[in-house]
Amino acid sequence: MDLISDGIYNLIIFVLAIYIGYHVVWNVTPALHTPLMSVTNAISAIVIVGAMLAAALTVTPLGKTMGTLAVALAAVNVFGGFLVTRRMLEMFKKKAPKTVATGALAEKH
């Protein structure tokens, strides 16, 4: 008989992952944010595959529901990560100088 159940071990790992993830993300410099988002998207894609396997191999309805929920949340995370990455990369693009049409100038004067 185990002194601590497997559920408690899983809960401890989950809480530690949240704690470490929080401190890792909040201590990232802004210059590294875009590469970090790309890595996060890759990890979320792996989570999607794992969640699909977990949902497919689970027998109980609760397990299938949780697996489906995990797939949906990871997909939202990947989609949102790509949107944030695209917005951040657009901030680094040089903007084209604004040109005024010659017809518009003639109408104003």
Protein backbone atom coordinates (compact mmCIF):
# COMPACT_ATOMS: atom_id res chain seq x y z
CA MET A 1 0.00 0.00 0.00
CA ASP A 2 1.34 3.41 -1.02
CA LEU A 3 1.58 6.20 1.51
CA ILE A 4 0.67 8.79 -1.12
CA SER A 5 -1.76 8.04 -3.93
CA ASP A 6 -0.95 8.57 -7.60
CA GLY A 7 -3.50 11.38 -7.77
CA ILE A 8 -1.57 13.38 -5.17
CA TYR A 9 1.66 12.90 -7.13
CA ASN A 10 -0.07 14.11 -10.29
CA LEU A 11 -1.49 17.12 -8.44
CA ILE A 12 1.95 18.03 -7.08
CA ILE A 13 3.48 17.81 -10.57
CA PHE A 14 0.64 19.92 -11.98
CA VAL A 15 1.08 22.66 -9.35
CA LEU A 16 4.86 22.70 -9.80
CA ALA A 17 4.45 22.97 -13.59
CA ILE A 18 2.14 25.97 -13.13
CA TYR A 19 4.58 27.63 -10.72
CA ILE A 20 7.64 27.08 -12.91
CA GLY A 21 5.80 28.06 -16.09
CA TYR A 22 4.59 31.29 -14.51
CA HIS A 23 8.08 32.33 -13.43
CA VAL A 24 9.68 31.33 -16.73
CA VAL A 25 7.21 33.32 -18.83
CA TRP A 26 7.19 36.46 -16.69
CA ASN A 27 10.99 36.66 -16.58
CA VAL A 28 11.45 36.60 -20.36
CA THR A 29 12.83 39.74 -21.97
CA PRO A 30 10.65 41.29 -24.71
CA ALA A 31 13.26 40.47 -27.38
CA LEU A 32 12.86 36.76 -26.71
CA HIS A 33 9.06 36.78 -26.60
CA THR A 34 8.50 35.90 -30.29
CA PRO A 35 10.87 32.89 -30.30
CA LEU A 36 9.33 31.74 -27.03
CA MET A 37 5.85 31.90 -28.59
CA SER A 38 7.07 29.77 -31.50
CA VAL A 39 8.40 27.14 -29.11
CA THR A 40 5.17 27.28 -27.12
CA ASN A 41 3.20 26.64 -30.30
CA ALA A 42 5.35 23.58 -31.02
CA ILE A 43 4.82 22.27 -27.49
CA SER A 44 1.07 22.86 -27.78
CA ALA A 45 1.03 20.89 -31.01
CA ILE A 46 2.64 17.99 -29.15
CA VAL A 47 0.02 18.41 -26.42
CA ILE A 48 -2.70 18.11 -29.08
CA VAL A 49 -1.28 14.78 -30.25
CA GLY A 50 -1.01 13.51 -26.67
CA ALA A 51 -4.53 14.64 -25.84
CA MET A 52 -5.91 12.90 -28.94
CA LEU A 53 -4.15 9.69 -27.91
CA ALA A 54 -5.43 10.04 -24.35
CA ALA A 55 -8.98 10.67 -25.55
CA ALA A 56 -8.84 7.72 -27.94
CA LEU A 57 -7.37 5.25 -25.46
CA THR A 58 -9.57 6.17 -22.50
CA VAL A 59 -12.54 3.96 -21.72
CA THR A 60 -14.55 6.20 -19.42
CA PRO A 61 -16.77 9.02 -20.68
CA LEU A 62 -15.08 11.48 -18.29
CA GLY A 63 -11.69 10.60 -19.77
CA LYS A 64 -12.97 11.08 -23.32
CA THR A 65 -14.53 14.41 -22.36
CA MET A 66 -11.33 15.62 -20.68
CA GLY A 67 -9.25 14.48 -23.67
CA THR A 68 -11.54 16.30 -26.08
CA LEU A 69 -11.41 19.42 -23.90
CA ALA A 70 -7.61 19.20 -23.82
CA VAL A 71 -7.50 18.99 -27.64
CA ALA A 72 -9.80 22.01 -27.96
CA LEU A 73 -7.87 24.15 -25.46
CA ALA A 74 -4.49 23.26 -26.97
CA ALA A 75 -5.84 24.12 -30.45
CA VAL A 76 -7.02 27.52 -29.18
CA ASN A 77 -3.58 28.03 -27.63
CA VAL A 78 -1.81 27.23 -30.92
CA PHE A 79 -4.12 29.51 -32.92
CA GLY A 80 -3.76 32.38 -30.45
CA GLY A 81 0.00 31.91 -30.30
CA PHE A 82 0.28 32.25 -34.06
CA LEU A 83 -1.86 35.41 -33.99
CA VAL A 84 0.30 36.96 -31.27
CA THR A 85 3.50 35.97 -33.08
CA ARG A 86 2.25 37.50 -36.33
CA ARG A 87 1.31 40.75 -34.58
CA MET A 88 4.70 40.97 -32.90
CA LEU A 89 6.56 40.33 -36.15
CA GLU A 90 4.50 43.04 -37.88
CA MET A 91 5.74 45.51 -35.26
CA PHE A 92 9.31 44.99 -36.51
CA LYS A 93 8.49 45.60 -40.19
CA LYS A 94 9.44 48.95 -41.63
CA LYS A 95 6.43 50.99 -42.59
CA ALA A 96 6.25 52.44 -46.07
CA PRO A 97 6.38 56.23 -46.16
CA LYS A 98 3.01 57.83 -46.65
CA THR A 99 2.60 59.36 -50.08
CA VAL A 100 0.01 61.95 -50.89
CA ALA A 101 -1.74 61.64 -54.22
CA THR A 102 -1.10 64.62 -56.52
CA GLY A 103 -4.81 64.92 -57.31
CA ALA A 104 -5.64 65.32 -53.65
CA LEU A 105 -3.11 68.16 -53.27
CA ALA A 106 -4.54 70.05 -56.23
CA GLU A 107 -8.06 69.84 -54.80
CA LYS A 108 -7.03 71.25 -51.41
CA HIS A 109 -5.39 74.38 -52.86
